[in-house]
Amino acid sequence: MGEVVPQEFVVIGRLFTRAFPMIREQPKWSFSIFSDTATLLLKNRVVGASFCLDRTDGQCLWQYSSCQATHPVGESDGIIVSTSQTRGCFGIDLNSGKLLWTSHGNGFWGVLLRICDFIPGYANEFSDIPIHVKDGRVITESGRILDVQTGKQIEKMSREKAKSYNDYFTSPEFQLFSERKFLLEDGTWLTHMLPDKGQQVQDMLAPRSALCNDFLENGFQFYRLDQSGDLIWSFQPKTGYYSFGVYNLALPDYAYMICSEDDLSIYDHETHKYKYDLSKFHFITISLKTGRIIQNFLIKKTPLARCDIYDVDVHGVLIRCAETGYRHKNQLPAIFKYYERI
């Protein structure tokens, strides 16, 4: 059986596993900004929706305010390809932050959707969206293949085939998130639930509720099972887990997690609403071979409203923490901390 997180911990954040060593316990640099969403670790840069940093020292190379491109998807040939909460394809120069092109669709339809970008408060569900960026090509949800330099369509594939290029939907973590189980190459399973007596793991059906709701109801549950469904190890902190986003999973060695010392979301039965509190957060590394915690350190000595792992690669981990919530009337800037691997 694996080691159980001490009872004062509540897992809260994004789960990442990589074939990486542990990370250094002191951040190499920090960067503060009032608002930002998705953030990418690139080879020499760190790119957010509205900023670009030198990855070596965290120096800000450019920063601007944009209400459109809020989610960088990938980078190729010095161009960041982003989308937004209202969809759309945006090409942004990596070195200057300048918007180079938009491509929400072909012909008149694409022009019309671009015009809609300038209508305050307008949101649409019709614009195309980039899902994969590599080797000078951008594959979109509709199956259009764009030249990363110009945003012009150069090829076309079926929408069904395009799905196979979507890094998120084809990833192990999406399968674990949606199905509550994922089959590993050695025939063992990672799961968020246990089979009933006599039931095969592959026959388990995921509940209809979202995974974060499962964790709120039953606590964070993480298991590794053998081919017969027998338990190899379990990882079960106390109840109170709340996921701010979908976790990313890659194999085979470690799980990186952010854990809070206290419950952050407490259900008020009188108002039928959740109340949110502050807590201290820890970074922990778990061995997927044994289920044991092999690293544990405090992110910040003072309590925070939230703390998330935003991206991980072979060189390090990017963590975002905030002292106030998203809609707090006296909101403080979020702080990005970059930790190198050992």
C-alpha atoms as a PDB file:
ATOM      1  CA  MET A   1       0.000   0.000   0.000  1.00  0.00           C
ATOM      2  CA  GLY A   2       1.226   3.494  -0.768  1.00  0.00           C
ATOM      3  CA  GLU A   3       1.815   6.221   1.748  1.00  0.00           C
ATOM      4  CA  VAL A   4      -1.203   8.347   2.600  1.00  0.00           C
ATOM      5  CA  VAL A   5      -0.831  12.134   2.619  1.00  0.00           C
ATOM      6  CA  PRO A   6      -0.839  13.475   6.216  1.00  0.00           C
ATOM      7  CA  GLN A   7      -4.355  14.359   7.305  1.00  0.00           C
ATOM      8  CA  GLU A   8      -3.609  18.103   7.310  1.00  0.00           C
ATOM      9  CA  PHE A   9      -3.161  17.999   3.522  1.00  0.00           C
ATOM     10  CA  VAL A  10      -5.887  18.399   0.959  1.00  0.00           C
ATOM     11  CA  VAL A  11      -4.941  17.831  -2.657  1.00  0.00           C
ATOM     12  CA  ILE A  12      -5.986  20.899  -4.609  1.00  0.00           C
ATOM     13  CA  GLY A  13      -4.661  21.773  -7.990  1.00  0.00           C
ATOM     14  CA  ARG A  14      -3.390  20.098 -11.113  1.00  0.00           C
ATOM     15  CA  LEU A  15      -1.813  16.698 -11.305  1.00  0.00           C
ATOM     16  CA  PHE A  16       1.248  16.245 -13.486  1.00  0.00           C
ATOM     17  CA  THR A  17       3.307  13.125 -14.015  1.00  0.00           C
ATOM     18  CA  ARG A  18       6.479  13.057 -16.013  1.00  0.00           C
ATOM     19  CA  ALA A  19       9.579  10.925 -16.338  1.00  0.00           C
ATOM     20  CA  PHE A  20      11.387  13.743 -14.527  1.00  0.00           C
ATOM     21  CA  PRO A  21      13.462  13.917 -11.347  1.00  0.00           C
ATOM     22  CA  MET A  22      12.277  15.956  -8.399  1.00  0.00           C
ATOM     23  CA  ILE A  23      12.539  19.745  -8.513  1.00  0.00           C
ATOM     24  CA  ARG A  24      14.634  22.247  -6.572  1.00  0.00           C
ATOM     25  CA  GLU A  25      12.780  23.553  -3.540  1.00  0.00           C
ATOM     26  CA  GLN A  26      13.580  27.238  -4.145  1.00  0.00           C
ATOM     27  CA  PRO A  27      12.167  29.008  -7.227  1.00  0.00           C
ATOM     28  CA  LYS A  28      14.705  30.249  -9.744  1.00  0.00           C
ATOM     29  CA  TRP A  29      12.597  33.390 -10.302  1.00  0.00           C
ATOM     30  CA  SER A  30       9.144  34.870  -9.734  1.00  0.00           C
ATOM     31  CA  PHE A  31       6.942  37.144 -11.842  1.00  0.00           C
ATOM     32  CA  SER A  32       3.827  39.072 -10.757  1.00  0.00           C
ATOM     33  CA  ILE A  33       0.886  39.973 -12.990  1.00  0.00           C
ATOM     34  CA  PHE A  34      -2.716  40.930 -12.230  1.00  0.00           C
ATOM     35  CA  SER A  35      -4.415  38.599 -14.668  1.00  0.00           C
ATOM     36  CA  ASP A  36      -3.463  35.755 -16.954  1.00  0.00           C
ATOM     37  CA  THR A  37      -4.785  32.370 -17.996  1.00  0.00           C
ATOM     38  CA  ALA A  38      -3.002  29.532 -19.794  1.00  0.00           C
ATOM     39  CA  THR A  39       0.809  29.726 -19.787  1.00  0.00           C
ATOM     40  CA  LEU A  40       3.378  27.727 -21.764  1.00  0.00           C
ATOM     41  CA  LEU A  41       6.953  26.756 -20.998  1.00  0.00           C
ATOM     42  CA  LEU A  42       8.955  27.036 -24.221  1.00  0.00           C
ATOM     43  CA  LYS A  43      12.640  26.271 -24.806  1.00  0.00           C
ATOM     44  CA  ASN A  44      13.897  29.787 -23.994  1.00  0.00           C
ATOM     45  CA  ARG A  45      10.688  31.625 -23.132  1.00  0.00           C
ATOM     46  CA  VAL A  46       7.668  31.510 -20.857  1.00  0.00           C
ATOM     47  CA  VAL A  47       4.546  32.735 -22.665  1.00  0.00           C
ATOM     48  CA  GLY A  48       1.263  33.792 -21.116  1.00  0.00           C
ATOM     49  CA  ALA A  49      -1.826  35.376 -22.603  1.00  0.00           C
ATOM     50  CA  SER A  50      -0.364  38.847 -22.155  1.00  0.00           C
ATOM     51  CA  PHE A  51       3.325  38.453 -21.391  1.00  0.00           C
ATOM     52  CA  CYS A  52       6.550  36.814 -22.485  1.00  0.00           C
ATOM     53  CA  LEU A  53       9.471  36.125 -20.130  1.00  0.00           C
ATOM     54  CA  ASP A  54      13.056  35.055 -20.586  1.00  0.00           C
ATOM     55  CA  ARG A  55      13.054  31.558 -19.132  1.00  0.00           C
ATOM     56  CA  THR A  56      16.607  31.908 -17.774  1.00  0.00           C
ATOM     57  CA  ASP A  57      15.987  34.802 -15.383  1.00  0.00           C
ATOM     58  CA  GLY A  58      12.260  35.627 -15.577  1.00  0.00           C
ATOM     59  CA  GLN A  59      12.884  39.042 -17.169  1.00  0.00           C
ATOM     60  CA  CYS A  60       9.782  40.407 -18.911  1.00  0.00           C
ATOM     61  CA  LEU A  61      10.412  40.786 -22.643  1.00  0.00           C
ATOM     62  CA  TRP A  62       6.994  42.238 -23.496  1.00  0.00           C
ATOM     63  CA  GLN A  63       3.657  42.757 -21.844  1.00  0.00           C
ATOM     64  CA  TYR A  64       0.353  44.103 -23.124  1.00  0.00           C
ATOM     65  CA  SER A  65      -3.365  43.952 -22.365  1.00  0.00           C
ATOM     66  CA  SER A  66      -5.483  41.853 -24.700  1.00  0.00           C
ATOM     67  CA  CYS A  67      -9.114  40.786 -24.344  1.00  0.00           C
ATOM     68  CA  GLN A  68      -8.890  38.377 -27.273  1.00  0.00           C
ATOM     69  CA  ALA A  69      -5.992  35.899 -27.307  1.00  0.00           C
ATOM     70  CA  THR A  70      -6.102  34.421 -23.823  1.00  0.00           C
ATOM     71  CA  HIS A  71      -4.930  30.825 -24.320  1.00  0.00           C
ATOM     72  CA  PRO A  72      -1.588  30.116 -26.044  1.00  0.00           C
ATOM     73  CA  VAL A  73      -1.806  26.701 -27.728  1.00  0.00           C
ATOM     74  CA  GLY A  74       1.726  26.288 -29.071  1.00  0.00           C
ATOM     75  CA  GLU A  75       4.686  27.889 -30.831  1.00  0.00           C
ATOM     76  CA  SER A  76       6.478  27.256 -34.106  1.00  0.00           C
ATOM     77  CA  ASP A  77       8.985  29.304 -36.133  1.00  0.00           C
ATOM     78  CA  GLY A  78       8.883  32.170 -33.636  1.00  0.00           C
ATOM     79  CA  ILE A  79       5.091  32.551 -33.736  1.00  0.00           C
ATOM     80  CA  ILE A  80       2.768  31.868 -30.822  1.00  0.00           C
ATOM     81  CA  VAL A  81      -0.605  30.466 -31.857  1.00  0.00           C
ATOM     82  CA  SER A  82      -3.351  31.343 -29.387  1.00  0.00           C
ATOM     83  CA  THR A  83      -7.097  31.178 -29.004  1.00  0.00           C
ATOM     84  CA  SER A  84      -9.545  32.880 -26.671  1.00  0.00           C
ATOM     85  CA  GLN A  85     -12.472  32.085 -24.438  1.00  0.00           C
ATOM     86  CA  THR A  86     -14.724  32.930 -27.405  1.00  0.00           C
ATOM     87  CA  ARG A  87     -12.617  30.788 -29.776  1.00  0.00           C
ATOM     88  CA  GLY A  88     -10.645  32.025 -32.805  1.00  0.00           C
ATOM     89  CA  CYS A  89      -7.069  31.603 -34.122  1.00  0.00           C
ATOM     90  CA  PHE A  90      -4.456  34.270 -33.433  1.00  0.00           C
ATOM     91  CA  GLY A  91      -0.817  34.357 -34.586  1.00  0.00           C
ATOM     92  CA  ILE A  92       1.454  36.445 -32.310  1.00  0.00           C
ATOM     93  CA  ASP A  93       5.129  37.304 -32.786  1.00  0.00           C
ATOM     94  CA  LEU A  94       7.144  35.604 -30.034  1.00  0.00           C
ATOM     95  CA  ASN A  95       9.734  38.386 -29.815  1.00  0.00           C
ATOM     96  CA  SER A  96       7.461  41.438 -29.844  1.00  0.00           C
ATOM     97  CA  GLY A  97       3.960  40.299 -28.842  1.00  0.00           C
ATOM     98  CA  LYS A  98       2.568  41.871 -32.027  1.00  0.00           C
ATOM     99  CA  LEU A  99      -0.557  40.318 -33.517  1.00  0.00           C
ATOM    100  CA  LEU A 100       0.465  39.027 -36.968  1.00  0.00           C
ATOM    101  CA  TRP A 101      -2.705  37.366 -38.226  1.00  0.00           C
ATOM    102  CA  THR A 102      -6.129  36.019 -37.331  1.00  0.00           C
ATOM    103  CA  SER A 103      -7.929  33.113 -38.981  1.00  0.00           C
ATOM    104  CA  HIS A 104     -11.375  32.375 -37.585  1.00  0.00           C
ATOM    105  CA  GLY A 105     -12.613  30.818 -40.838  1.00  0.00           C
ATOM    106  CA  ASN A 106     -12.319  31.017 -44.611  1.00  0.00           C
ATOM    107  CA  GLY A 107     -13.583  33.768 -46.920  1.00  0.00           C
ATOM    108  CA  PHE A 108     -16.412  36.112 -45.963  1.00  0.00           C
ATOM    109  CA  TRP A 109     -17.315  33.992 -42.928  1.00  0.00           C
ATOM    110  CA  GLY A 110     -13.827  34.450 -41.483  1.00  0.00           C
ATOM    111  CA  VAL A 111     -13.932  38.221 -42.065  1.00  0.00           C
ATOM    112  CA  LEU A 112     -17.313  38.481 -40.363  1.00  0.00           C
ATOM    113  CA  LEU A 113     -16.142  36.522 -37.328  1.00  0.00           C
ATOM    114  CA  ARG A 114     -13.040  38.730 -37.104  1.00  0.00           C
ATOM    115  CA  ILE A 115     -15.248  41.829 -37.046  1.00  0.00           C
ATOM    116  CA  CYS A 116     -17.143  40.278 -34.141  1.00  0.00           C
ATOM    117  CA  ASP A 117     -13.896  40.374 -32.124  1.00  0.00           C
ATOM    118  CA  PHE A 118     -14.357  44.137 -31.786  1.00  0.00           C
ATOM    119  CA  ILE A 119     -17.899  44.035 -30.412  1.00  0.00           C
ATOM    120  CA  PRO A 120     -17.623  44.637 -26.623  1.00  0.00           C
ATOM    121  CA  GLY A 121     -18.966  41.748 -24.586  1.00  0.00           C
ATOM    122  CA  TYR A 122     -19.860  39.677 -27.649  1.00  0.00           C
ATOM    123  CA  ALA A 123     -19.056  35.974 -27.565  1.00  0.00           C
ATOM    124  CA  ASN A 124     -19.510  33.459 -30.355  1.00  0.00           C
ATOM    125  CA  GLU A 125     -19.232  29.719 -30.700  1.00  0.00           C
ATOM    126  CA  PHE A 126     -18.628  29.668 -34.444  1.00  0.00           C
ATOM    127  CA  SER A 127     -14.970  30.654 -34.809  1.00  0.00           C
ATOM    128  CA  ASP A 128     -12.422  27.967 -35.590  1.00  0.00           C
ATOM    129  CA  ILE A 129      -9.892  27.060 -32.905  1.00  0.00           C
ATOM    130  CA  PRO A 130      -6.260  25.822 -33.091  1.00  0.00           C
ATOM    131  CA  ILE A 131      -5.624  22.432 -31.491  1.00  0.00           C
ATOM    132  CA  HIS A 132      -2.083  21.489 -32.603  1.00  0.00           C
ATOM    133  CA  VAL A 133       0.990  23.542 -33.574  1.00  0.00           C
ATOM    134  CA  LYS A 134       4.144  21.935 -34.967  1.00  0.00           C
ATOM    135  CA  ASP A 135       6.674  22.243 -37.807  1.00  0.00           C
ATOM    136  CA  GLY A 136       5.222  25.450 -39.234  1.00  0.00           C
ATOM    137  CA  ARG A 137       1.668  24.072 -39.398  1.00  0.00           C
ATOM    138  CA  VAL A 138      -1.433  24.818 -37.349  1.00  0.00           C
ATOM    139  CA  ILE A 139      -4.178  22.207 -37.277  1.00  0.00           C
ATOM    140  CA  THR A 140      -7.573  23.574 -36.349  1.00  0.00           C
ATOM    141  CA  GLU A 141     -10.684  21.983 -34.895  1.00  0.00           C
ATOM    142  CA  SER A 142     -12.489  22.189 -38.240  1.00  0.00           C
ATOM    143  CA  GLY A 143      -9.652  20.360 -40.041  1.00  0.00           C
ATOM    144  CA  ARG A 144      -8.099  23.387 -41.710  1.00  0.00           C
ATOM    145  CA  ILE A 145      -4.287  23.323 -41.799  1.00  0.00           C
ATOM    146  CA  LEU A 146      -2.761  26.806 -41.648  1.00  0.00           C
ATOM    147  CA  ASP A 147       0.679  28.181 -42.444  1.00  0.00           C
ATOM    148  CA  VAL A 148       1.985  29.419 -39.085  1.00  0.00           C
ATOM    149  CA  GLN A 149       3.669  32.405 -40.774  1.00  0.00           C
ATOM    150  CA  THR A 150       0.571  33.775 -42.499  1.00  0.00           C
ATOM    151  CA  GLY A 151      -2.479  32.058 -41.035  1.00  0.00           C
ATOM    152  CA  LYS A 152      -3.536  31.077 -44.562  1.00  0.00           C
ATOM    153  CA  GLN A 153      -5.027  27.644 -45.206  1.00  0.00           C
ATOM    154  CA  ILE A 154      -2.616  25.326 -47.032  1.00  0.00           C
ATOM    155  CA  GLU A 155      -4.402  21.989 -46.624  1.00  0.00           C
ATOM    156  CA  LYS A 156      -7.630  20.499 -45.360  1.00  0.00           C
ATOM    157  CA  MET A 157      -8.523  17.303 -43.486  1.00  0.00           C
ATOM    158  CA  SER A 158     -11.762  15.971 -42.068  1.00  0.00           C
ATOM    159  CA  ARG A 159     -12.934  17.194 -38.687  1.00  0.00           C
ATOM    160  CA  GLU A 160     -12.808  13.599 -37.445  1.00  0.00           C
ATOM    161  CA  LYS A 161      -9.171  13.175 -38.473  1.00  0.00           C
ATOM    162  CA  ALA A 162      -8.282  16.514 -36.889  1.00  0.00           C
ATOM    163  CA  LYS A 163      -9.428  15.141 -33.525  1.00  0.00           C
ATOM    164  CA  SER A 164      -6.503  12.706 -33.567  1.00  0.00           C
ATOM    165  CA  TYR A 165      -4.121  15.693 -33.469  1.00  0.00           C
ATOM    166  CA  ASN A 166      -5.714  17.287 -30.440  1.00  0.00           C
ATOM    167  CA  ASP A 167      -3.057  16.851 -27.757  1.00  0.00           C
ATOM    168  CA  TYR A 168      -5.604  17.172 -24.981  1.00  0.00           C
ATOM    169  CA  PHE A 169      -8.322  14.770 -26.135  1.00  0.00           C
ATOM    170  CA  THR A 170      -5.781  12.115 -27.188  1.00  0.00           C
ATOM    171  CA  SER A 171      -3.812  12.340 -23.953  1.00  0.00           C
ATOM    172  CA  PRO A 172      -3.764   9.720 -21.169  1.00  0.00           C
ATOM    173  CA  GLU A 173      -4.894  12.353 -18.673  1.00  0.00           C
ATOM    174  CA  PHE A 174      -8.093  13.065 -20.595  1.00  0.00           C
ATOM    175  CA  GLN A 175      -8.922   9.366 -20.597  1.00  0.00           C
ATOM    176  CA  LEU A 176      -8.268   9.160 -16.868  1.00  0.00           C
ATOM    177  CA  PHE A 177     -10.280  12.333 -16.303  1.00  0.00           C
ATOM    178  CA  SER A 178     -13.266  11.277 -18.400  1.00  0.00           C
ATOM    179  CA  GLU A 179     -13.290   7.505 -17.836  1.00  0.00           C
ATOM    180  CA  ARG A 180     -11.718   7.455 -14.337  1.00  0.00           C
ATOM    181  CA  LYS A 181      -9.271   4.807 -15.565  1.00  0.00           C
ATOM    182  CA  PHE A 182      -6.251   4.497 -17.852  1.00  0.00           C
ATOM    183  CA  LEU A 183      -4.446   1.341 -19.000  1.00  0.00           C
ATOM    184  CA  LEU A 184      -0.653   1.544 -18.702  1.00  0.00           C
ATOM    185  CA  GLU A 185       1.786  -0.171 -21.078  1.00  0.00           C
ATOM    186  CA  ASP A 186       2.608  -2.881 -18.534  1.00  0.00           C
ATOM    187  CA  GLY A 187      -1.061  -3.873 -18.238  1.00  0.00           C
ATOM    188  CA  THR A 188      -1.672  -2.166 -14.877  1.00  0.00           C
ATOM    189  CA  TRP A 189      -4.200   0.624 -14.376  1.00  0.00           C
ATOM    190  CA  LEU A 190      -4.305   4.117 -12.930  1.00  0.00           C
ATOM    191  CA  THR A 191      -7.819   4.842 -11.669  1.00  0.00           C
ATOM    192  CA  HIS A 192      -9.902   7.235  -9.572  1.00  0.00           C
ATOM    193  CA  MET A 193     -12.321   4.496  -8.498  1.00  0.00           C
ATOM    194  CA  LEU A 194     -12.260   0.825  -7.541  1.00  0.00           C
ATOM    195  CA  PRO A 195     -14.138  -1.988  -9.323  1.00  0.00           C
ATOM    196  CA  ASP A 196     -17.006  -3.693  -7.579  1.00  0.00           C
ATOM    197  CA  LYS A 197     -16.457  -7.248  -6.387  1.00  0.00           C
ATOM    198  CA  GLY A 198     -16.060  -9.528  -9.417  1.00  0.00           C
ATOM    199  CA  GLN A 199     -16.036  -6.595 -11.847  1.00  0.00           C
ATOM    200  CA  GLN A 200     -13.253  -6.125 -14.416  1.00  0.00           C
ATOM    201  CA  VAL A 201     -11.493  -2.742 -14.377  1.00  0.00           C
ATOM    202  CA  GLN A 202     -12.221  -2.197 -18.067  1.00  0.00           C
ATOM    203  CA  ASP A 203     -15.937  -2.636 -17.363  1.00  0.00           C
ATOM    204  CA  MET A 204     -16.129   0.153 -14.779  1.00  0.00           C
ATOM    205  CA  LEU A 205     -18.373   2.999 -15.933  1.00  0.00           C
ATOM    206  CA  ALA A 206     -17.490   6.551 -14.928  1.00  0.00           C
ATOM    207  CA  PRO A 207     -20.181   8.452 -12.990  1.00  0.00           C
ATOM    208  CA  ARG A 208     -22.046  11.113 -14.912  1.00  0.00           C
ATOM    209  CA  SER A 209     -20.891  13.823 -12.521  1.00  0.00           C
ATOM    210  CA  ALA A 210     -17.700  15.773 -13.188  1.00  0.00           C
ATOM    211  CA  LEU A 211     -14.540  14.387 -11.612  1.00  0.00           C
ATOM    212  CA  CYS A 212     -14.105  17.445  -9.374  1.00  0.00           C
ATOM    213  CA  ASN A 213     -17.619  16.838  -7.996  1.00  0.00           C
ATOM    214  CA  ASP A 214     -16.638  13.245  -7.233  1.00  0.00           C
ATOM    215  CA  PHE A 215     -13.660  14.507  -5.261  1.00  0.00           C
ATOM    216  CA  LEU A 216     -15.800  17.030  -3.380  1.00  0.00           C
ATOM    217  CA  GLU A 217     -18.216  14.250  -2.430  1.00  0.00           C
ATOM    218  CA  ASN A 218     -15.794  11.407  -1.733  1.00  0.00           C
ATOM    219  CA  GLY A 219     -12.347  12.967  -1.395  1.00  0.00           C
ATOM    220  CA  PHE A 220      -9.410  12.600  -3.755  1.00  0.00           C
ATOM    221  CA  GLN A 221      -8.937   8.926  -4.685  1.00  0.00           C
ATOM    222  CA  PHE A 222      -6.007   7.716  -6.766  1.00  0.00           C
ATOM    223  CA  TYR A 223      -5.186   4.026  -7.260  1.00  0.00           C
ATOM    224  CA  ARG A 224      -2.881   1.747  -9.174  1.00  0.00           C
ATOM    225  CA  LEU A 225      -4.355  -1.692  -9.894  1.00  0.00           C
ATOM    226  CA  ASP A 226      -2.837  -4.845 -11.400  1.00  0.00           C
ATOM    227  CA  GLN A 227      -4.252  -6.624 -14.460  1.00  0.00           C
ATOM    228  CA  SER A 228      -6.758  -8.478 -12.281  1.00  0.00           C
ATOM    229  CA  GLY A 229      -7.936  -5.286 -10.604  1.00  0.00           C
ATOM    230  CA  ASP A 230      -6.174  -5.988  -7.302  1.00  0.00           C
ATOM    231  CA  LEU A 231      -4.785  -2.956  -5.478  1.00  0.00           C
ATOM    232  CA  ILE A 232      -1.049  -2.198  -5.882  1.00  0.00           C
ATOM    233  CA  TRP A 233      -1.192   1.091  -3.983  1.00  0.00           C
ATOM    234  CA  SER A 234      -3.665   3.799  -3.015  1.00  0.00           C
ATOM    235  CA  PHE A 235      -3.256   7.509  -2.500  1.00  0.00           C
ATOM    236  CA  GLN A 236      -6.136   9.013  -0.529  1.00  0.00           C
ATOM    237  CA  PRO A 237      -5.878  12.366   1.251  1.00  0.00           C
ATOM    238  CA  LYS A 238      -8.790  13.414   3.419  1.00  0.00           C
ATOM    239  CA  THR A 239     -11.961  14.668   1.761  1.00  0.00           C
ATOM    240  CA  GLY A 240     -12.109  18.192   0.467  1.00  0.00           C
ATOM    241  CA  TYR A 241     -10.254  17.937  -2.843  1.00  0.00           C
ATOM    242  CA  TYR A 242     -11.226  20.624  -5.329  1.00  0.00           C
ATOM    243  CA  SER A 243      -9.843  20.710  -8.853  1.00  0.00           C
ATOM    244  CA  PHE A 244      -9.357  24.104 -10.509  1.00  0.00           C
ATOM    245  CA  GLY A 245      -8.651  22.497 -13.855  1.00  0.00           C
ATOM    246  CA  VAL A 246      -8.017  19.297 -15.726  1.00  0.00           C
ATOM    247  CA  TYR A 247      -4.753  17.674 -14.702  1.00  0.00           C
ATOM    248  CA  ASN A 248      -2.086  16.545 -17.175  1.00  0.00           C
ATOM    249  CA  LEU A 249      -0.668  13.057 -17.060  1.00  0.00           C
ATOM    250  CA  ALA A 250       2.488  11.621 -18.635  1.00  0.00           C
ATOM    251  CA  LEU A 251       4.303   8.477 -17.701  1.00  0.00           C
ATOM    252  CA  PRO A 252       5.961   6.641 -16.112  1.00  0.00           C
ATOM    253  CA  ASP A 253       7.654   7.868 -12.945  1.00  0.00           C
ATOM    254  CA  TYR A 254       6.227  10.732 -10.899  1.00  0.00           C
ATOM    255  CA  ALA A 255       3.110  12.626  -9.947  1.00  0.00           C
ATOM    256  CA  TYR A 256       3.569  16.312  -9.147  1.00  0.00           C
ATOM    257  CA  MET A 257       0.786  17.787  -7.012  1.00  0.00           C
ATOM    258  CA  ILE A 258      -0.116  20.935  -5.121  1.00  0.00           C
ATOM    259  CA  CYS A 259      -1.650  20.244  -1.698  1.00  0.00           C
ATOM    260  CA  SER A 260      -3.324  22.587   0.768  1.00  0.00           C
ATOM    261  CA  GLU A 261      -3.133  22.178   4.529  1.00  0.00           C
ATOM    262  CA  ASP A 262      -6.821  23.026   4.981  1.00  0.00           C
ATOM    263  CA  ASP A 263     -10.105  22.657   3.172  1.00  0.00           C
ATOM    264  CA  LEU A 264     -10.533  25.626   0.847  1.00  0.00           C
ATOM    265  CA  SER A 265     -14.158  24.977  -0.084  1.00  0.00           C
ATOM    266  CA  ILE A 266     -16.695  24.380   2.684  1.00  0.00           C
ATOM    267  CA  TYR A 267     -20.332  23.766   1.851  1.00  0.00           C
ATOM    268  CA  ASP A 268     -22.806  25.927   3.770  1.00  0.00           C
ATOM    269  CA  HIS A 269     -26.003  23.921   4.142  1.00  0.00           C
ATOM    270  CA  GLU A 270     -28.025  27.024   5.062  1.00  0.00           C
ATOM    271  CA  THR A 271     -27.131  29.065   1.981  1.00  0.00           C
ATOM    272  CA  HIS A 272     -26.479  25.999  -0.218  1.00  0.00           C
ATOM    273  CA  LYS A 273     -23.256  27.614  -1.391  1.00  0.00           C
ATOM    274  CA  TYR A 274     -19.547  26.912  -1.015  1.00  0.00           C
ATOM    275  CA  LYS A 275     -17.421  29.217   1.108  1.00  0.00           C
ATOM    276  CA  TYR A 276     -13.770  29.630   0.163  1.00  0.00           C
ATOM    277  CA  ASP A 277     -10.883  30.160   2.551  1.00  0.00           C
ATOM    278  CA  LEU A 278      -7.092  30.601   2.505  1.00  0.00           C
ATOM    279  CA  SER A 279      -4.501  27.928   3.205  1.00  0.00           C
ATOM    280  CA  LYS A 280      -0.809  27.139   3.017  1.00  0.00           C
ATOM    281  CA  PHE A 281       0.193  25.060   0.006  1.00  0.00           C
ATOM    282  CA  HIS A 282       2.805  22.350  -0.454  1.00  0.00           C
ATOM    283  CA  PHE A 283       4.428  20.903  -3.554  1.00  0.00           C
ATOM    284  CA  ILE A 284       4.710  17.124  -3.370  1.00  0.00           C
ATOM    285  CA  THR A 285       6.244  14.533  -5.668  1.00  0.00           C
ATOM    286  CA  ILE A 286       4.787  11.027  -5.629  1.00  0.00           C
ATOM    287  CA  SER A 287       6.372   7.897  -7.032  1.00  0.00           C
ATOM    288  CA  LEU A 288       3.946   6.172  -9.386  1.00  0.00           C
ATOM    289  CA  LYS A 289       5.810   2.931  -8.773  1.00  0.00           C
ATOM    290  CA  THR A 290       5.145   2.859  -5.044  1.00  0.00           C
ATOM    291  CA  GLY A 291       2.496   5.515  -4.403  1.00  0.00           C
ATOM    292  CA  ARG A 292       4.803   7.085  -1.804  1.00  0.00           C
ATOM    293  CA  ILE A 293       5.538  10.768  -1.314  1.00  0.00           C
ATOM    294  CA  ILE A 294       9.219  11.346  -2.076  1.00  0.00           C
ATOM    295  CA  GLN A 295       9.279  15.172  -1.927  1.00  0.00           C
ATOM    296  CA  ASN A 296       7.339  17.751   0.069  1.00  0.00           C
ATOM    297  CA  PHE A 297       8.034  21.469   0.496  1.00  0.00           C
ATOM    298  CA  LEU A 298       6.079  24.642   1.290  1.00  0.00           C
ATOM    299  CA  ILE A 299       5.323  26.989  -1.627  1.00  0.00           C
ATOM    300  CA  LYS A 300       4.896  30.073   0.571  1.00  0.00           C
ATOM    301  CA  LYS A 301       4.879  30.560   4.342  1.00  0.00           C
ATOM    302  CA  THR A 302       1.753  32.731   4.259  1.00  0.00           C
ATOM    303  CA  PRO A 303      -1.734  31.451   3.289  1.00  0.00           C
ATOM    304  CA  LEU A 304      -2.914  31.703  -0.321  1.00  0.00           C
ATOM    305  CA  ALA A 305      -6.311  31.650  -2.028  1.00  0.00           C
ATOM    306  CA  ARG A 306      -5.109  29.179  -4.653  1.00  0.00           C
ATOM    307  CA  CYS A 307      -2.046  27.555  -6.109  1.00  0.00           C
ATOM    308  CA  ASP A 308      -1.783  25.594  -9.378  1.00  0.00           C
ATOM    309  CA  ILE A 309       0.822  23.872 -11.514  1.00  0.00           C
ATOM    310  CA  TYR A 310       0.497  25.646 -14.868  1.00  0.00           C
ATOM    311  CA  ASP A 311       3.035  23.768 -16.992  1.00  0.00           C
ATOM    312  CA  VAL A 312       5.740  21.121 -16.726  1.00  0.00           C
ATOM    313  CA  ASP A 313       8.500  20.004 -19.066  1.00  0.00           C
ATOM    314  CA  VAL A 314      11.834  18.169 -18.839  1.00  0.00           C
ATOM    315  CA  HIS A 315      13.557  21.249 -17.399  1.00  0.00           C
ATOM    316  CA  GLY A 316      11.188  22.523 -14.737  1.00  0.00           C
ATOM    317  CA  VAL A 317       7.781  23.369 -13.287  1.00  0.00           C
ATOM    318  CA  LEU A 318       5.789  26.617 -13.490  1.00  0.00           C
ATOM    319  CA  ILE A 319       3.493  27.326 -10.540  1.00  0.00           C
ATOM    320  CA  ARG A 320       0.925  30.109 -10.254  1.00  0.00           C
ATOM    321  CA  CYS A 321      -0.267  31.253  -6.827  1.00  0.00           C
ATOM    322  CA  ALA A 322      -2.635  34.010  -5.710  1.00  0.00           C
ATOM    323  CA  GLU A 323      -3.441  35.612  -2.357  1.00  0.00           C
ATOM    324  CA  THR A 324      -6.967  36.589  -3.444  1.00  0.00           C
ATOM    325  CA  GLY A 325      -9.649  34.922  -5.518  1.00  0.00           C
ATOM    326  CA  TYR A 326     -10.637  35.828  -9.076  1.00  0.00           C
ATOM    327  CA  ARG A 327     -13.533  38.099  -8.122  1.00  0.00           C
ATOM    328  CA  HIS A 328     -12.154  39.573  -4.924  1.00  0.00           C
ATOM    329  CA  LYS A 329     -12.857  43.338  -4.809  1.00  0.00           C
ATOM    330  CA  ASN A 330      -9.281  44.058  -3.710  1.00  0.00           C
ATOM    331  CA  GLN A 331      -7.615  41.504  -5.949  1.00  0.00           C
ATOM    332  CA  LEU A 332      -3.840  41.200  -5.692  1.00  0.00           C
ATOM    333  CA  PRO A 333      -1.544  40.193  -8.563  1.00  0.00           C
ATOM    334  CA  ALA A 334      -0.894  36.522  -9.222  1.00  0.00           C
ATOM    335  CA  ILE A 335       2.666  35.287  -8.831  1.00  0.00           C
ATOM    336  CA  PHE A 336       4.310  32.841 -11.223  1.00  0.00           C
ATOM    337  CA  LYS A 337       7.160  30.822  -9.707  1.00  0.00           C
ATOM    338  CA  TYR A 338       9.548  28.788 -11.843  1.00  0.00           C
ATOM    339  CA  TYR A 339      11.287  25.764 -10.296  1.00  0.00           C
ATOM    340  CA  GLU A 340      14.084  23.879 -12.035  1.00  0.00           C
ATOM    341  CA  ARG A 341      14.400  20.123 -11.917  1.00  0.00           C
ATOM    342  CA  ILE A 342      17.302  18.602 -10.018  1.00  0.00           C
END
